[in-house]
C-alpha atoms as a PDB file:
ATOM      1  CA  MET A   1      83.712  38.483  22.217  1.00  0.00           C
ATOM      2  CA  LEU A   2      84.560  35.537  19.984  1.00  0.00           C
ATOM      3  CA  VAL A   3      87.901  34.783  18.364  1.00  0.00           C
ATOM      4  CA  ILE A   4      87.236  33.270  14.934  1.00  0.00           C
ATOM      5  CA  PRO A   5      90.037  31.469  13.061  1.00  0.00           C
ATOM      6  CA  ALA A   6      90.083  32.195   9.332  1.00  0.00           C
ATOM      7  CA  ILE A   7      90.441  29.493   6.713  1.00  0.00           C
ATOM      8  CA  ASP A   8      91.158  31.057   3.327  1.00  0.00           C
ATOM      9  CA  LEU A   9      90.801  28.714   0.354  1.00  0.00           C
ATOM     10  CA  LYS A  10      92.714  28.944  -2.912  1.00  0.00           C
ATOM     11  CA  ASN A  11      92.814  26.003  -5.311  1.00  0.00           C
ATOM     12  CA  GLY A  12      91.576  23.713  -2.558  1.00  0.00           C
ATOM     13  CA  ARG A  13      94.374  24.629  -0.154  1.00  0.00           C
ATOM     14  CA  CYS A  14      94.494  26.657   3.053  1.00  0.00           C
ATOM     15  CA  VAL A  15      96.484  29.827   2.343  1.00  0.00           C
ATOM     16  CA  ARG A  16      97.075  33.354   3.595  1.00  0.00           C
ATOM     17  CA  LEU A  17      97.653  36.390   1.411  1.00  0.00           C
ATOM     18  CA  ARG A  18      99.422  39.702   1.975  1.00  0.00           C
ATOM     19  CA  GLN A  19      96.958  42.588   1.673  1.00  0.00           C
ATOM     20  CA  GLY A  20      94.691  40.381  -0.429  1.00  0.00           C
ATOM     21  CA  ASP A  21      97.221  39.983  -3.254  1.00  0.00           C
ATOM     22  CA  MET A  22      96.569  36.601  -4.911  1.00  0.00           C
ATOM     23  CA  ARG A  23     100.216  36.530  -6.039  1.00  0.00           C
ATOM     24  CA  GLU A  24     101.448  36.848  -2.453  1.00  0.00           C
ATOM     25  CA  GLU A  25     100.248  33.570  -1.002  1.00  0.00           C
ATOM     26  CA  THR A  26     101.624  31.331   1.696  1.00  0.00           C
ATOM     27  CA  VAL A  27     100.275  27.782   1.682  1.00  0.00           C
ATOM     28  CA  TYR A  28      99.688  26.400   5.171  1.00  0.00           C
ATOM     29  CA  SER A  29      97.911  23.152   4.368  1.00  0.00           C
ATOM     30  CA  GLU A  30      96.746  20.976   1.518  1.00  0.00           C
ATOM     31  CA  ASP A  31      93.954  19.695   3.799  1.00  0.00           C
ATOM     32  CA  PRO A  32      91.629  22.541   4.917  1.00  0.00           C
ATOM     33  CA  PRO A  33      89.145  20.185   6.667  1.00  0.00           C
ATOM     34  CA  ALA A  34      92.007  18.968   8.857  1.00  0.00           C
ATOM     35  CA  VAL A  35      92.904  22.574   9.642  1.00  0.00           C
ATOM     36  CA  ALA A  36      89.285  23.248  10.600  1.00  0.00           C
ATOM     37  CA  GLY A  37      89.331  20.229  12.867  1.00  0.00           C
ATOM     38  CA  GLU A  38      92.518  21.400  14.554  1.00  0.00           C
ATOM     39  CA  TRP A  39      91.109  24.859  15.318  1.00  0.00           C
ATOM     40  CA  THR A  40      87.990  23.343  16.842  1.00  0.00           C
ATOM     41  CA  ARG A  41      90.086  20.970  18.959  1.00  0.00           C
ATOM     42  CA  ARG A  42      91.877  24.029  20.293  1.00  0.00           C
ATOM     43  CA  GLY A  43      88.556  25.541  21.293  1.00  0.00           C
ATOM     44  CA  ALA A  44      87.267  27.609  18.365  1.00  0.00           C
ATOM     45  CA  ARG A  45      83.499  28.056  18.534  1.00  0.00           C
ATOM     46  CA  LEU A  46      83.048  29.490  15.026  1.00  0.00           C
ATOM     47  CA  LEU A  47      85.115  29.355  11.819  1.00  0.00           C
ATOM     48  CA  HIS A  48      85.403  31.921   9.040  1.00  0.00           C
ATOM     49  CA  VAL A  49      85.878  30.375   5.596  1.00  0.00           C
ATOM     50  CA  VAL A  50      86.667  32.455   2.508  1.00  0.00           C
ATOM     51  CA  ASP A  51      86.681  31.179  -1.065  1.00  0.00           C
ATOM     52  CA  LEU A  52      89.390  33.429  -2.522  1.00  0.00           C
ATOM     53  CA  ASP A  53      88.996  32.001  -6.025  1.00  0.00           C
ATOM     54  CA  GLY A  54      85.267  32.646  -5.791  1.00  0.00           C
ATOM     55  CA  ALA A  55      85.788  36.243  -4.698  1.00  0.00           C
ATOM     56  CA  ILE A  56      87.803  36.908  -7.858  1.00  0.00           C
ATOM     57  CA  GLY A  57      85.733  34.743 -10.197  1.00  0.00           C
ATOM     58  CA  GLY A  58      82.290  35.862  -9.061  1.00  0.00           C
ATOM     59  CA  GLU A  59      80.999  32.457  -7.994  1.00  0.00           C
ATOM     60  CA  PRO A  60      82.137  29.805  -5.493  1.00  0.00           C
ATOM     61  CA  ARG A  61      85.077  27.728  -6.716  1.00  0.00           C
ATOM     62  CA  ASN A  62      85.952  25.677  -3.619  1.00  0.00           C
ATOM     63  CA  GLN A  63      82.557  24.111  -2.986  1.00  0.00           C
ATOM     64  CA  SER A  64      83.810  20.573  -2.372  1.00  0.00           C
ATOM     65  CA  THR A  65      86.411  21.799   0.121  1.00  0.00           C
ATOM     66  CA  ILE A  66      83.778  23.774   2.007  1.00  0.00           C
ATOM     67  CA  GLU A  67      81.572  20.701   2.103  1.00  0.00           C
ATOM     68  CA  GLY A  68      84.527  18.775   3.525  1.00  0.00           C
ATOM     69  CA  ILE A  69      84.959  21.384   6.256  1.00  0.00           C
ATOM     70  CA  LEU A  70      81.268  21.168   7.118  1.00  0.00           C
ATOM     71  CA  LYS A  71      81.568  17.417   7.531  1.00  0.00           C
ATOM     72  CA  SER A  72      84.721  17.630   9.620  1.00  0.00           C
ATOM     73  CA  VAL A  73      83.563  19.982  12.397  1.00  0.00           C
ATOM     74  CA  ALA A  74      80.603  20.370  14.710  1.00  0.00           C
ATOM     75  CA  VAL A  75      80.945  24.136  15.252  1.00  0.00           C
ATOM     76  CA  PRO A  76      79.200  26.698  13.030  1.00  0.00           C
ATOM     77  CA  ILE A  77      81.001  28.120  10.023  1.00  0.00           C
ATOM     78  CA  GLN A  78      80.414  31.322   8.102  1.00  0.00           C
ATOM     79  CA  VAL A  79      81.343  31.441   4.432  1.00  0.00           C
ATOM     80  CA  GLY A  80      82.175  34.248   2.020  1.00  0.00           C
ATOM     81  CA  GLY A  81      83.719  34.666  -1.399  1.00  0.00           C
ATOM     82  CA  GLY A  82      81.804  34.771  -4.663  1.00  0.00           C
ATOM     83  CA  ILE A  83      78.337  34.575  -3.094  1.00  0.00           C
ATOM     84  CA  ARG A  84      76.341  36.829  -5.399  1.00  0.00           C
ATOM     85  CA  THR A  85      72.959  35.197  -5.974  1.00  0.00           C
ATOM     86  CA  LEU A  86      70.059  34.193  -3.774  1.00  0.00           C
ATOM     87  CA  GLU A  87      70.374  30.649  -5.109  1.00  0.00           C
ATOM     88  CA  THR A  88      73.958  30.418  -3.867  1.00  0.00           C
ATOM     89  CA  ILE A  89      72.943  31.753  -0.469  1.00  0.00           C
ATOM     90  CA  ARG A  90      70.172  29.173  -0.228  1.00  0.00           C
ATOM     91  CA  ARG A  91      72.516  26.376  -1.253  1.00  0.00           C
ATOM     92  CA  PHE A  92      75.123  27.181   1.373  1.00  0.00           C
ATOM     93  CA  LEU A  93      72.607  27.607   4.176  1.00  0.00           C
ATOM     94  CA  SER A  94      70.770  24.417   3.228  1.00  0.00           C
ATOM     95  CA  GLN A  95      74.081  22.537   3.355  1.00  0.00           C
ATOM     96  CA  GLY A  96      74.673  23.567   6.961  1.00  0.00           C
ATOM     97  CA  VAL A  97      76.572  26.842   6.725  1.00  0.00           C
ATOM     98  CA  ALA A  98      75.483  29.020   9.654  1.00  0.00           C
ATOM     99  CA  ARG A  99      75.952  32.448   8.040  1.00  0.00           C
ATOM    100  CA  VAL A 100      77.010  33.772   4.656  1.00  0.00           C
ATOM    101  CA  VAL A 101      79.067  36.862   3.923  1.00  0.00           C
ATOM    102  CA  LEU A 102      78.068  39.169   1.089  1.00  0.00           C
ATOM    103  CA  GLY A 103      80.639  41.613  -0.216  1.00  0.00           C
ATOM    104  CA  THR A 104      80.911  42.939  -3.766  1.00  0.00           C
ATOM    105  CA  VAL A 105      77.303  42.243  -4.688  1.00  0.00           C
ATOM    106  CA  VAL A 106      75.900  44.463  -1.940  1.00  0.00           C
ATOM    107  CA  LEU A 107      77.409  47.598  -3.466  1.00  0.00           C
ATOM    108  CA  ARG A 108      75.631  47.113  -6.777  1.00  0.00           C
ATOM    109  CA  ASP A 109      72.546  45.121  -5.770  1.00  0.00           C
ATOM    110  CA  GLN A 110      71.044  46.029  -2.412  1.00  0.00           C
ATOM    111  CA  ALA A 111      67.794  44.466  -3.566  1.00  0.00           C
ATOM    112  CA  LEU A 112      69.521  41.101  -3.261  1.00  0.00           C
ATOM    113  CA  LEU A 113      70.568  41.980   0.276  1.00  0.00           C
ATOM    114  CA  GLY A 114      66.984  42.829   1.104  1.00  0.00           C
ATOM    115  CA  ARG A 115      65.659  39.550  -0.260  1.00  0.00           C
ATOM    116  CA  ALA A 116      68.371  37.532   1.485  1.00  0.00           C
ATOM    117  CA  CYS A 117      67.763  39.208   4.842  1.00  0.00           C
ATOM    118  CA  ALA A 118      64.004  38.763   4.515  1.00  0.00           C
ATOM    119  CA  GLU A 119      64.395  35.046   3.831  1.00  0.00           C
ATOM    120  CA  PHE A 120      67.272  34.483   6.267  1.00  0.00           C
ATOM    121  CA  PRO A 121      67.146  37.144   9.006  1.00  0.00           C
ATOM    122  CA  ARG A 122      70.279  37.372  11.185  1.00  0.00           C
ATOM    123  CA  ARG A 123      72.131  34.906   8.963  1.00  0.00           C
ATOM    124  CA  ILE A 124      73.616  37.401   6.508  1.00  0.00           C
ATOM    125  CA  LEU A 125      76.845  39.296   7.165  1.00  0.00           C
ATOM    126  CA  VAL A 126      78.092  42.175   5.022  1.00  0.00           C
ATOM    127  CA  GLY A 127      81.822  42.315   4.406  1.00  0.00           C
ATOM    128  CA  LEU A 128      83.241  45.842   4.409  1.00  0.00           C
ATOM    129  CA  ASP A 129      86.757  45.551   2.991  1.00  0.00           C
ATOM    130  CA  ALA A 130      88.386  48.956   2.987  1.00  0.00           C
ATOM    131  CA  ARG A 131      91.580  50.519   1.743  1.00  0.00           C
ATOM    132  CA  GLU A 132      92.151  54.032   3.143  1.00  0.00           C
ATOM    133  CA  GLY A 133      88.505  54.104   4.147  1.00  0.00           C
ATOM    134  CA  LYS A 134      87.108  53.269   0.681  1.00  0.00           C
ATOM    135  CA  LEU A 135      85.492  49.926  -0.101  1.00  0.00           C
ATOM    136  CA  ALA A 136      87.314  47.490  -2.377  1.00  0.00           C
ATOM    137  CA  VAL A 137      85.399  44.952  -4.475  1.00  0.00           C
ATOM    138  CA  GLN A 138      85.872  41.870  -6.656  1.00  0.00           C
ATOM    139  CA  GLY A 139      88.186  40.104  -4.254  1.00  0.00           C
ATOM    140  CA  TRP A 140      89.869  43.436  -3.441  1.00  0.00           C
ATOM    141  CA  THR A 141      91.066  43.812  -7.047  1.00  0.00           C
ATOM    142  CA  ASN A 142      88.998  46.946  -7.730  1.00  0.00           C
ATOM    143  CA  GLN A 143      88.632  50.085  -5.666  1.00  0.00           C
ATOM    144  CA  SER A 144      85.309  51.900  -5.310  1.00  0.00           C
ATOM    145  CA  GLU A 145      84.783  55.523  -4.317  1.00  0.00           C
ATOM    146  CA  THR A 146      82.288  54.543  -1.613  1.00  0.00           C
ATOM    147  CA  SER A 147      83.447  55.063   1.946  1.00  0.00           C
ATOM    148  CA  ALA A 148      82.838  52.274   4.440  1.00  0.00           C
ATOM    149  CA  ARG A 149      81.348  54.731   6.931  1.00  0.00           C
ATOM    150  CA  ASP A 150      78.871  56.124   4.409  1.00  0.00           C
ATOM    151  CA  PHE A 151      77.872  52.676   3.235  1.00  0.00           C
ATOM    152  CA  LEU A 152      77.113  51.607   6.799  1.00  0.00           C
ATOM    153  CA  GLN A 153      74.265  54.098   6.871  1.00  0.00           C
ATOM    154  CA  THR A 154      72.475  52.222   4.078  1.00  0.00           C
ATOM    155  CA  LEU A 155      72.321  49.061   6.187  1.00  0.00           C
ATOM    156  CA  ARG A 156      70.166  50.366   9.025  1.00  0.00           C
ATOM    157  CA  ASP A 157      66.909  48.744   7.951  1.00  0.00           C
ATOM    158  CA  TYR A 158      68.187  45.226   7.322  1.00  0.00           C
ATOM    159  CA  PRO A 159      68.022  42.379   9.885  1.00  0.00           C
ATOM    160  CA  LEU A 160      71.715  41.560   9.459  1.00  0.00           C
ATOM    161  CA  ALA A 161      73.821  39.305  11.630  1.00  0.00           C
ATOM    162  CA  GLY A 162      76.444  42.070  11.466  1.00  0.00           C
ATOM    163  CA  VAL A 163      79.261  43.517   9.395  1.00  0.00           C
ATOM    164  CA  ILE A 164      82.849  42.330   9.029  1.00  0.00           C
ATOM    165  CA  TYR A 165      85.269  45.239   8.767  1.00  0.00           C
ATOM    166  CA  THR A 166      88.653  44.465   7.228  1.00  0.00           C
ATOM    167  CA  ASP A 167      91.425  47.009   6.801  1.00  0.00           C
ATOM    168  CA  ILE A 168      93.134  45.680   3.677  1.00  0.00           C
ATOM    169  CA  THR A 169      96.442  47.459   4.308  1.00  0.00           C
ATOM    170  CA  ARG A 170      96.788  45.579   7.611  1.00  0.00           C
ATOM    171  CA  ASP A 171      95.604  42.181   6.398  1.00  0.00           C
ATOM    172  CA  GLY A 172      98.321  39.539   6.560  1.00  0.00           C
ATOM    173  CA  MET A 173     100.968  42.048   7.623  1.00  0.00           C
ATOM    174  CA  LEU A 174     101.240  41.169  11.341  1.00  0.00           C
ATOM    175  CA  GLN A 175     101.454  44.865  12.199  1.00  0.00           C
ATOM    176  CA  GLY A 176      98.385  45.250  14.384  1.00  0.00           C
ATOM    177  CA  PRO A 177      94.849  46.429  13.565  1.00  0.00           C
ATOM    178  CA  ASN A 178      93.846  49.919  12.472  1.00  0.00           C
ATOM    179  CA  LEU A 179      92.162  50.885  15.725  1.00  0.00           C
ATOM    180  CA  ASP A 180      91.276  54.421  14.647  1.00  0.00           C
ATOM    181  CA  ALA A 181      89.343  53.211  11.596  1.00  0.00           C
ATOM    182  CA  LEU A 182      87.741  50.423  13.570  1.00  0.00           C
ATOM    183  CA  ARG A 183      86.657  52.872  16.270  1.00  0.00           C
ATOM    184  CA  ASP A 184      84.840  54.944  13.632  1.00  0.00           C
ATOM    185  CA  ILE A 185      83.138  51.865  12.211  1.00  0.00           C
ATOM    186  CA  VAL A 186      81.952  50.785  15.644  1.00  0.00           C
ATOM    187  CA  ALA A 187      80.584  54.270  16.313  1.00  0.00           C
ATOM    188  CA  ASP A 188      78.674  54.378  13.009  1.00  0.00           C
ATOM    189  CA  SER A 189      77.494  50.781  12.655  1.00  0.00           C
ATOM    190  CA  PRO A 190      73.825  50.014  13.284  1.00  0.00           C
ATOM    191  CA  VAL A 191      74.644  46.306  13.700  1.00  0.00           C
ATOM    192  CA  PRO A 192      77.278  44.187  15.484  1.00  0.00           C
ATOM    193  CA  VAL A 193      80.830  44.470  14.150  1.00  0.00           C
ATOM    194  CA  ILE A 194      83.417  41.754  13.531  1.00  0.00           C
ATOM    195  CA  ALA A 195      86.960  43.104  13.278  1.00  0.00           C
ATOM    196  CA  SER A 196      89.499  41.686  10.836  1.00  0.00           C
ATOM    197  CA  GLY A 197      92.930  42.606   9.535  1.00  0.00           C
ATOM    198  CA  GLY A 198      96.288  42.836  11.262  1.00  0.00           C
ATOM    199  CA  ILE A 199      95.424  41.219  14.592  1.00  0.00           C
ATOM    200  CA  THR A 200      98.770  39.904  15.787  1.00  0.00           C
ATOM    201  CA  ARG A 201      99.069  39.817  19.579  1.00  0.00           C
ATOM    202  CA  VAL A 202      96.943  39.307  22.672  1.00  0.00           C
ATOM    203  CA  GLU A 203      97.243  43.053  23.248  1.00  0.00           C
ATOM    204  CA  ASP A 204      95.419  43.612  19.942  1.00  0.00           C
ATOM    205  CA  ILE A 205      92.535  41.474  21.178  1.00  0.00           C
ATOM    206  CA  ARG A 206      92.304  43.523  24.369  1.00  0.00           C
ATOM    207  CA  ALA A 207      92.461  46.821  22.478  1.00  0.00           C
ATOM    208  CA  ILE A 208      89.662  45.812  20.116  1.00  0.00           C
ATOM    209  CA  LYS A 209      87.496  44.529  22.936  1.00  0.00           C
ATOM    210  CA  ALA A 210      87.924  47.869  24.689  1.00  0.00           C
ATOM    211  CA  LEU A 211      86.135  49.584  21.789  1.00  0.00           C
ATOM    212  CA  GLY A 212      82.836  48.463  23.264  1.00  0.00           C
ATOM    213  CA  PRO A 213      80.149  45.789  23.329  1.00  0.00           C
ATOM    214  CA  LYS A 214      79.192  46.321  19.686  1.00  0.00           C
ATOM    215  CA  ILE A 215      82.327  44.330  18.763  1.00  0.00           C
ATOM    216  CA  GLU A 216      80.977  40.802  18.469  1.00  0.00           C
ATOM    217  CA  ALA A 217      84.163  39.025  17.387  1.00  0.00           C
ATOM    218  CA  VAL A 218      87.586  39.222  15.811  1.00  0.00           C
ATOM    219  CA  ILE A 219      88.760  37.173  12.853  1.00  0.00           C
ATOM    220  CA  VAL A 220      92.375  36.048  13.072  1.00  0.00           C
ATOM    221  CA  GLY A 221      94.358  34.407  10.304  1.00  0.00           C
ATOM    222  CA  LYS A 222      98.070  34.714   9.710  1.00  0.00           C
ATOM    223  CA  ALA A 223      98.956  35.330  13.359  1.00  0.00           C
ATOM    224  CA  LEU A 224      97.490  31.951  14.282  1.00  0.00           C
ATOM    225  CA  TYR A 225      99.204  30.138  11.429  1.00  0.00           C
ATOM    226  CA  GLU A 226     102.570  31.791  12.102  1.00  0.00           C
ATOM    227  CA  GLY A 227     102.304  31.225  15.845  1.00  0.00           C
ATOM    228  CA  THR A 228     102.569  34.871  16.886  1.00  0.00           C
ATOM    229  CA  LEU A 229      99.175  34.506  18.565  1.00  0.00           C
ATOM    230  CA  ASP A 230      98.003  31.482  20.517  1.00  0.00           C
ATOM    231  CA  LEU A 231      94.319  30.704  20.040  1.00  0.00           C
ATOM    232  CA  LYS A 232      93.690  29.773  23.676  1.00  0.00           C
ATOM    233  CA  ALA A 233      95.422  32.918  24.927  1.00  0.00           C
ATOM    234  CA  ALA A 234      93.453  35.026  22.459  1.00  0.00           C
ATOM    235  CA  MET A 235      90.187  33.430  23.544  1.00  0.00           C
ATOM    236  CA  ALA A 236      91.026  34.029  27.202  1.00  0.00           C
ATOM    237  CA  ALA A 237      91.707  37.709  26.508  1.00  0.00           C
ATOM    238  CA  ALA A 238      88.476  38.021  24.534  1.00  0.00           C
ATOM    239  CA  ALA A 239      86.470  36.418  27.327  1.00  0.00           C
ATOM    240  CA  ALA A 240      88.092  38.291  30.239  1.00  0.00           C
ATOM    241  CA  GLU A 241      85.886  40.604  32.272  1.00  0.00           C
ATOM    242  CA  GLY A 242      86.851  44.174  32.992  1.00  0.00           C
ATOM    243  CA  ASP A 243      88.783  44.853  29.799  1.00  0.00           C
ATOM    244  CA  ARG A 244      86.228  47.195  28.269  1.00  0.00           C
ATOM    245  CA  ARG A 245      86.566  50.893  29.001  1.00  0.00           C
END
């Protein structure tokens, strides 16, 4: 299981939000490429980059910063936030992004998902961002009536890299993940699952890993930036044998 540091971009800076609220930001760096370099020096094997402005605006807004991150690290990066056309997907992948994350657009345009997966099999992730089990869209600013578990069933026939499940109420709160919801997602998902939201301690890493081999990775943000979780310790817990039950 991988531990993936998150780099959230807002106005060209590395920030973290509370429960996705754009008004509740903490700025951690004015130099996101340097942050990316630091995480890779500490051993990260994959980075998760989110264009928060793009998620709200409907198209990428931090393109130059993402390009800077690509130039600054040798490890793969996956990118999400405002990616809603096949042309944008092609552009990111041609620039060296390893995988792209589709969120809002998948709810209203599964034909796009089909075309993207056909052209780029195993390089598309679907972001399932849920509040009380229901999917949120448009950078988490709007709530749908579609349940994450029901939506998973529509993804069975696509050659996806996986899904990223984020419990919005836990995101940025340093209160631990929603293991019950995550357990249901793992049981229902036809593809690998990446867990996100609330991961705070090494014990959280162990608990998520214990949910089974379908968990491919965890994305960690605020806990790394605040120092409540050490990346090397988290990676050691994720890699340890015998933790699954």
